[in-house]
């Protein structure tokens, strides 16, 4: 068991990493926040049985990956907007949307490789398990994503 640390401390230590991964996969906003919350709820349920020596950050990023897939599937099943939507207040967008917009504009493989390796800290062989393909292909996708981000951010 890996329960020597209280779970609250795990949330404090890894919460920002998991949120960056969720935002990179889903874009900033309520979907990423939902995936983050669902990640830690699932992790809390599994925490007492987690094997000692488990890489907690990699474990959390893997859960976040699965929750992001769940959110993406749920998003596809949402009702189509009506001709006249009901009036209601919208939440203010996060202040750092420009970077997240650039990340969201990347092709899926590049965005996911970047999210899991650079934001989530997973090694490329583990990234390849999550997104498919080889470790070299995941490394190439991550490098291409970083290069594309540097080019677009440099031109601002």
Foldseek 3Di string as FASTA:
>chain_A
DQPPDPLVVVCVVQVQLLLLLLCLQPNDDDLSVVLSVQLSVVCVVCVVVDDPPDPSLLVSNVSSLVSSVVSVVVVVVDDDADPDHDDDDDDDTDPPRVLSVLSNPQPNLLSQLLSCCVSSVDQLQSSCVSPPDHSVVSVVSPVVSVVSSVVVVVVD
